[in-house]
C-alpha atoms as a PDB file:
ATOM      1  CA  MET A   1       0.030   0.070  -0.192  1.00  0.00           C
ATOM      2  CA  PRO A   2       1.763   3.054  -1.469  1.00  0.00           C
ATOM      3  CA  LYS A   3       2.017   5.713   0.927  1.00  0.00           C
ATOM      4  CA  LEU A   4       1.784   9.341  -0.876  1.00  0.00           C
ATOM      5  CA  TYR A   5       1.492  11.630   2.109  1.00  0.00           C
ATOM      6  CA  GLU A   6       1.077  12.392   5.672  1.00  0.00           C
ATOM      7  CA  TYR A   7      -0.204  15.550   6.850  1.00  0.00           C
ATOM      8  CA  PHE A   8      -0.845  16.483  10.586  1.00  0.00           C
ATOM      9  CA  GLY A   9      -1.570  12.686  11.734  1.00  0.00           C
ATOM     10  CA  LEU A  10      -3.265  11.888   8.575  1.00  0.00           C
ATOM     11  CA  THR A  11      -1.941   9.263   5.999  1.00  0.00           C
ATOM     12  CA  VAL A  12      -2.956   9.843   2.402  1.00  0.00           C
ATOM     13  CA  LEU A  13      -2.203   6.271   0.350  1.00  0.00           C
ATOM     14  CA  PHE A  14      -3.476   3.905  -2.555  1.00  0.00           C
ATOM     15  CA  TYR A  15      -4.421   0.712  -1.866  1.00  0.00           C
ATOM     16  CA  ALA A  16      -2.156  -1.907  -4.120  1.00  0.00           C
ATOM     17  CA  ASN A  17      -4.604  -3.283  -5.693  1.00  0.00           C
ATOM     18  CA  GLU A  18      -6.743  -0.397  -6.513  1.00  0.00           C
ATOM     19  CA  HIS A  19      -9.118   0.035  -9.416  1.00  0.00           C
ATOM     20  CA  GLU A  20     -10.463   3.362 -11.322  1.00  0.00           C
ATOM     21  CA  PRO A  21     -11.977   5.890 -11.227  1.00  0.00           C
ATOM     22  CA  LEU A  22      -8.701   7.213  -9.743  1.00  0.00           C
ATOM     23  CA  HIS A  23      -8.659   8.134  -6.279  1.00  0.00           C
ATOM     24  CA  VAL A  24      -6.509   8.009  -2.762  1.00  0.00           C
ATOM     25  CA  HIS A  25      -7.797   7.186   0.782  1.00  0.00           C
ATOM     26  CA  GLY A  26      -7.254   9.321   3.944  1.00  0.00           C
ATOM     27  CA  LYS A  27      -6.401   7.608   7.471  1.00  0.00           C
ATOM     28  CA  SER A  28      -6.152   8.450  10.605  1.00  0.00           C
ATOM     29  CA  GLN A  29      -6.825   6.126  14.112  1.00  0.00           C
ATOM     30  CA  GLY A  30      -8.871   3.941  12.492  1.00  0.00           C
ATOM     31  CA  ARG A  31     -11.485   6.019  10.352  1.00  0.00           C
ATOM     32  CA  GLU A  32     -11.205   6.434   6.465  1.00  0.00           C
ATOM     33  CA  SER A  33     -12.439   8.722   3.884  1.00  0.00           C
ATOM     34  CA  ARG A  34     -12.029   8.225  -0.258  1.00  0.00           C
ATOM     35  CA  ALA A  35     -11.096  11.138  -2.577  1.00  0.00           C
ATOM     36  CA  GLU A  36     -12.436  10.729  -6.121  1.00  0.00           C
ATOM     37  CA  ILE A  37     -10.328  12.798  -8.530  1.00  0.00           C
ATOM     38  CA  ILE A  38     -12.091  13.739 -12.143  1.00  0.00           C
ATOM     39  CA  VAL A  39      -9.648  14.184 -14.780  1.00  0.00           C
ATOM     40  CA  LEU A  40     -10.850  15.625 -17.881  1.00  0.00           C
ATOM     41  CA  ASN A  41      -8.504  16.293 -21.131  1.00  0.00           C
ATOM     42  CA  GLY A  42      -5.418  16.033 -18.850  1.00  0.00           C
ATOM     43  CA  THR A  43      -6.726  18.582 -16.118  1.00  0.00           C
ATOM     44  CA  VAL A  44      -8.249  18.202 -12.786  1.00  0.00           C
ATOM     45  CA  VAL A  45     -12.183  19.387 -13.161  1.00  0.00           C
ATOM     46  CA  GLU A  46     -13.309  17.985  -9.449  1.00  0.00           C
ATOM     47  CA  VAL A  47     -12.376  16.205  -6.675  1.00  0.00           C
ATOM     48  CA  ARG A  48     -15.450  14.006  -5.069  1.00  0.00           C
ATOM     49  CA  TYR A  49     -15.351  13.031  -1.181  1.00  0.00           C
ATOM     50  CA  SER A  50     -16.792  10.114   0.369  1.00  0.00           C
ATOM     51  CA  ALA A  51     -17.197   7.288   3.214  1.00  0.00           C
ATOM     52  CA  VAL A  52     -15.405   4.222   2.879  1.00  0.00           C
ATOM     53  CA  ALA A  53     -17.407   1.467   3.483  1.00  0.00           C
ATOM     54  CA  GLY A  54     -16.884  -0.457   6.609  1.00  0.00           C
ATOM     55  CA  ARG A  55     -14.932   2.279   8.072  1.00  0.00           C
ATOM     56  CA  PRO A  56     -16.069   5.081  10.455  1.00  0.00           C
ATOM     57  CA  PRO A  57     -15.292   8.129   8.578  1.00  0.00           C
ATOM     58  CA  LEU A  58     -12.688  10.899   9.056  1.00  0.00           C
ATOM     59  CA  ASP A  59     -14.031  13.892  12.099  1.00  0.00           C
ATOM     60  CA  ARG A  60     -14.319  16.989  10.838  1.00  0.00           C
ATOM     61  CA  GLN A  61     -10.778  18.178  11.558  1.00  0.00           C
ATOM     62  CA  GLU A  62      -9.379  15.329   9.698  1.00  0.00           C
ATOM     63  CA  MET A  63     -11.511  15.822   6.898  1.00  0.00           C
ATOM     64  CA  ARG A  64     -10.390  19.447   6.500  1.00  0.00           C
ATOM     65  CA  TYR A  65      -6.767  18.819   6.767  1.00  0.00           C
ATOM     66  CA  PHE A  66      -7.782  15.906   3.750  1.00  0.00           C
ATOM     67  CA  GLU A  67      -9.524  18.089   1.793  1.00  0.00           C
ATOM     68  CA  GLU A  68      -6.999  20.795   2.321  1.00  0.00           C
ATOM     69  CA  LEU A  69      -4.241  17.956   1.006  1.00  0.00           C
ATOM     70  CA  VAL A  70      -6.134  16.603  -2.058  1.00  0.00           C
ATOM     71  CA  SER A  71      -7.247  20.040  -3.498  1.00  0.00           C
ATOM     72  CA  ALA A  72      -3.525  21.605  -3.392  1.00  0.00           C
ATOM     73  CA  HIS A  73      -2.025  18.126  -4.556  1.00  0.00           C
ATOM     74  CA  ALA A  74      -4.330  16.719  -6.917  1.00  0.00           C
ATOM     75  CA  SER A  75      -1.925  17.027  -9.721  1.00  0.00           C
ATOM     76  CA  ASP A  76       0.760  15.743  -8.106  1.00  0.00           C
ATOM     77  CA  ILE A  77      -1.715  12.408  -6.993  1.00  0.00           C
ATOM     78  CA  VAL A  78      -2.587  11.936 -10.226  1.00  0.00           C
ATOM     79  CA  ALA A  79       1.113  11.907 -11.380  1.00  0.00           C
ATOM     80  CA  LYS A  80       1.656   9.597  -8.435  1.00  0.00           C
ATOM     81  CA  TRP A  81      -1.455   7.028  -9.383  1.00  0.00           C
ATOM     82  CA  ILE A  82       0.256   7.259 -13.254  1.00  0.00           C
ATOM     83  CA  ASP A  83       3.700   5.992 -12.118  1.00  0.00           C
ATOM     84  CA  PHE A  84       2.558   3.705  -9.627  1.00  0.00           C
ATOM     85  CA  PHE A  85      -0.085   1.939 -11.498  1.00  0.00           C
ATOM     86  CA  VAL A  86       0.940   2.447 -14.788  1.00  0.00           C
ATOM     87  CA  LEU A  87       4.664   2.634 -14.837  1.00  0.00           C
ATOM     88  CA  HIS A  88       4.935   0.667 -12.139  1.00  0.00           C
ATOM     89  CA  LYS A  89       7.387   2.987 -10.434  1.00  0.00           C
ATOM     90  CA  PRO A  90       7.923   3.781  -6.780  1.00  0.00           C
ATOM     91  CA  ILE A  91       6.317   5.940  -4.886  1.00  0.00           C
ATOM     92  CA  VAL A  92       8.151   7.812  -2.097  1.00  0.00           C
ATOM     93  CA  PRO A  93       6.029   9.257   0.743  1.00  0.00           C
ATOM     94  CA  GLU A  94       6.199  13.047   1.549  1.00  0.00           C
ATOM     95  CA  ARG A  95       5.847  14.416   5.226  1.00  0.00           C
ATOM     96  CA  ILE A  96       4.210  17.961   5.343  1.00  0.00           C
ATOM     97  CA  THR A  97       4.258  19.720   8.176  1.00  0.00           C
ATOM     98  CA  ARG A  98       3.289  22.661   7.155  1.00  0.00           C
ATOM     99  CA  ARG A  99      -0.619  23.872   6.940  1.00  0.00           C
ATOM    100  CA  ILE A 100      -1.110  24.276   3.192  1.00  0.00           C
ATOM    101  CA  LYS A 101      -3.378  27.349   2.806  1.00  0.00           C
END
């Protein structure tokens, strides 16, 4: 399971056996939510957030961090999806220690 980011206690990752549509998971202390990134003609046009079946969702603060990170790094997440799932390259996780605004 390739970890992409750590951000204020939140881990953002892909599961190794993922499927389309392109999405990432945000996890913290047993809670989990998902962000589906919609790409049209090579451009991120929307991000849709949802709960993950069988898991309690991220709490309000964790969800705020998840939305901040995914919104700010959506294009990078798309590139990492292609690197990992299409080109089979390893992903180097990034720890973000400053708030994303």
